[in-house]
N, C-alpha and C. Protein backbone atom coordinates (compact mmCIF):
# COMPACT_ATOMS: atom_id res chain seq x y z
N MET A 1 0.85 -1.18 0.00
CA MET A 1 0.00 0.00 0.00
C MET A 1 0.89 1.24 0.00
N LYS A 2 0.61 2.15 -0.90
CA LYS A 2 1.35 3.40 -0.97
C LYS A 2 0.71 4.43 -0.06
N SER A 3 1.52 5.34 0.43
CA SER A 3 0.99 6.47 1.19
C SER A 3 1.81 7.71 0.84
N TYR A 4 1.24 8.86 1.07
CA TYR A 4 1.88 10.13 0.77
C TYR A 4 1.43 11.14 1.81
N ARG A 5 2.36 11.94 2.29
CA ARG A 5 2.01 12.93 3.32
C ARG A 5 2.64 14.26 2.96
N LYS A 6 1.86 15.31 3.09
CA LYS A 6 2.37 16.65 2.83
C LYS A 6 1.62 17.64 3.72
N GLU A 7 2.35 18.57 4.29
CA GLU A 7 1.73 19.60 5.11
C GLU A 7 1.56 20.87 4.29
N LEU A 8 0.38 21.44 4.37
CA LEU A 8 0.08 22.71 3.70
C LEU A 8 -0.25 23.73 4.78
N TRP A 9 0.25 24.92 4.64
CA TRP A 9 0.00 25.99 5.61
C TRP A 9 -0.75 27.12 4.92
N PHE A 10 -1.76 27.63 5.60
CA PHE A 10 -2.57 28.73 5.08
C PHE A 10 -2.70 29.80 6.15
N GLU A 11 -2.72 31.04 5.73
CA GLU A 11 -2.92 32.14 6.65
C GLU A 11 -4.26 32.81 6.37
N ALA A 12 -5.05 32.94 7.39
CA ALA A 12 -6.35 33.62 7.26
C ALA A 12 -6.16 35.10 7.57
N LYS A 13 -6.84 35.92 6.80
CA LYS A 13 -6.75 37.36 7.02
C LYS A 13 -7.66 37.82 8.16
N ASN A 14 -8.71 37.06 8.39
CA ASN A 14 -9.68 37.38 9.43
C ASN A 14 -9.77 36.23 10.42
N ARG A 15 -10.42 36.49 11.54
CA ARG A 15 -10.57 35.45 12.57
C ARG A 15 -11.34 34.25 12.03
N ARG A 16 -12.40 34.52 11.31
CA ARG A 16 -13.18 33.45 10.69
C ARG A 16 -13.14 33.65 9.19
N GLU A 17 -12.70 32.62 8.50
CA GLU A 17 -12.56 32.75 7.05
C GLU A 17 -12.61 31.36 6.42
N LEU A 18 -13.29 31.25 5.30
CA LEU A 18 -13.30 30.01 4.53
C LEU A 18 -12.22 30.12 3.46
N ILE A 19 -11.36 29.12 3.40
CA ILE A 19 -10.30 29.10 2.40
C ILE A 19 -10.49 27.86 1.54
N ASN A 20 -10.63 28.07 0.25
CA ASN A 20 -10.82 26.96 -0.69
C ASN A 20 -9.44 26.34 -0.97
N ILE A 21 -9.24 25.11 -0.51
CA ILE A 21 -7.96 24.43 -0.68
C ILE A 21 -8.03 23.32 -1.73
N THR A 22 -9.11 23.29 -2.50
CA THR A 22 -9.33 22.22 -3.48
C THR A 22 -8.16 22.10 -4.44
N ARG A 23 -7.72 23.20 -5.01
CA ARG A 23 -6.64 23.17 -6.01
C ARG A 23 -5.34 22.64 -5.40
N GLN A 24 -5.02 23.08 -4.19
CA GLN A 24 -3.79 22.63 -3.54
C GLN A 24 -3.84 21.12 -3.25
N VAL A 25 -5.02 20.62 -2.85
CA VAL A 25 -5.18 19.18 -2.59
C VAL A 25 -5.05 18.40 -3.90
N GLN A 26 -5.64 18.91 -4.97
CA GLN A 26 -5.52 18.25 -6.28
C GLN A 26 -4.06 18.17 -6.72
N LEU A 27 -3.30 19.23 -6.49
CA LEU A 27 -1.89 19.23 -6.85
C LEU A 27 -1.10 18.20 -6.03
N CYS A 28 -1.43 18.08 -4.76
CA CYS A 28 -0.78 17.09 -3.90
C CYS A 28 -1.07 15.67 -4.37
N VAL A 29 -2.31 15.41 -4.76
CA VAL A 29 -2.68 14.08 -5.24
C VAL A 29 -1.92 13.77 -6.53
N ALA A 30 -1.85 14.73 -7.44
CA ALA A 30 -1.10 14.54 -8.69
C ALA A 30 0.39 14.31 -8.40
N GLU A 31 0.92 15.06 -7.47
CA GLU A 31 2.33 14.96 -7.08
C GLU A 31 2.66 13.59 -6.46
N SER A 32 1.69 13.00 -5.79
CA SER A 32 1.91 11.72 -5.10
C SER A 32 2.10 10.56 -6.06
N GLY A 33 1.49 10.65 -7.24
CA GLY A 33 1.57 9.55 -8.20
C GLY A 33 0.60 8.42 -7.90
N ILE A 34 -0.22 8.58 -6.88
CA ILE A 34 -1.22 7.57 -6.52
C ILE A 34 -2.49 7.83 -7.33
N HIS A 35 -3.01 6.78 -7.98
CA HIS A 35 -4.12 6.97 -8.91
C HIS A 35 -5.49 6.62 -8.34
N GLU A 36 -5.53 5.86 -7.26
CA GLU A 36 -6.83 5.56 -6.66
C GLU A 36 -6.67 5.38 -5.16
N GLY A 37 -7.73 5.68 -4.45
CA GLY A 37 -7.70 5.57 -2.99
C GLY A 37 -8.44 6.72 -2.35
N LEU A 38 -8.10 7.00 -1.12
CA LEU A 38 -8.76 8.04 -0.34
C LEU A 38 -7.79 9.16 -0.01
N VAL A 39 -8.33 10.35 0.16
CA VAL A 39 -7.54 11.50 0.61
C VAL A 39 -8.09 11.92 1.97
N LEU A 40 -7.20 12.05 2.93
CA LEU A 40 -7.59 12.51 4.26
C LEU A 40 -6.99 13.89 4.48
N VAL A 41 -7.86 14.86 4.71
CA VAL A 41 -7.42 16.23 4.99
C VAL A 41 -7.77 16.51 6.45
N VAL A 42 -6.75 16.87 7.23
CA VAL A 42 -6.95 17.10 8.65
C VAL A 42 -6.64 18.55 8.97
N TYR A 43 -7.54 19.19 9.68
CA TYR A 43 -7.35 20.57 10.13
C TYR A 43 -6.79 20.53 11.55
N MET A 44 -5.63 21.12 11.72
CA MET A 44 -5.01 21.17 13.05
C MET A 44 -4.99 22.64 13.50
N PRO A 45 -5.91 23.04 14.35
CA PRO A 45 -5.96 24.45 14.74
C PRO A 45 -4.70 24.86 15.50
N LYS A 46 -4.26 26.04 15.22
CA LYS A 46 -3.09 26.60 15.90
C LYS A 46 -3.59 27.60 16.93
N ILE A 47 -3.24 27.38 18.15
CA ILE A 47 -3.67 28.28 19.22
C ILE A 47 -2.57 29.30 19.45
N VAL A 48 -2.91 30.56 19.32
CA VAL A 48 -1.93 31.61 19.52
C VAL A 48 -2.45 32.63 20.51
N GLY A 49 -1.57 33.37 21.08
CA GLY A 49 -1.98 34.39 22.04
C GLY A 49 -2.20 35.73 21.37
N LYS A 50 -2.90 35.72 20.26
CA LYS A 50 -3.15 36.96 19.50
C LYS A 50 -4.62 37.32 19.63
N LYS A 51 -4.90 38.55 19.93
CA LYS A 51 -6.29 39.00 20.03
C LYS A 51 -6.70 39.64 18.72
N TYR A 52 -7.89 39.31 18.29
CA TYR A 52 -8.46 39.93 17.09
C TYR A 52 -9.40 41.03 17.55
N LEU A 53 -9.22 42.19 17.02
CA LEU A 53 -10.07 43.33 17.40
C LEU A 53 -11.15 43.56 16.37
């Protein structure tokens, strides 16, 4: 079984924001060379001591 792992980092301009990552995920799948299977995308929230005004 093949596997592929890649971390992608995104910066939000606002406290709450939707970011379309479809294209980046498609590029990762193409880069992996894997032609069939499942893609798991995990969101890992980063907790920072920054206040949004």
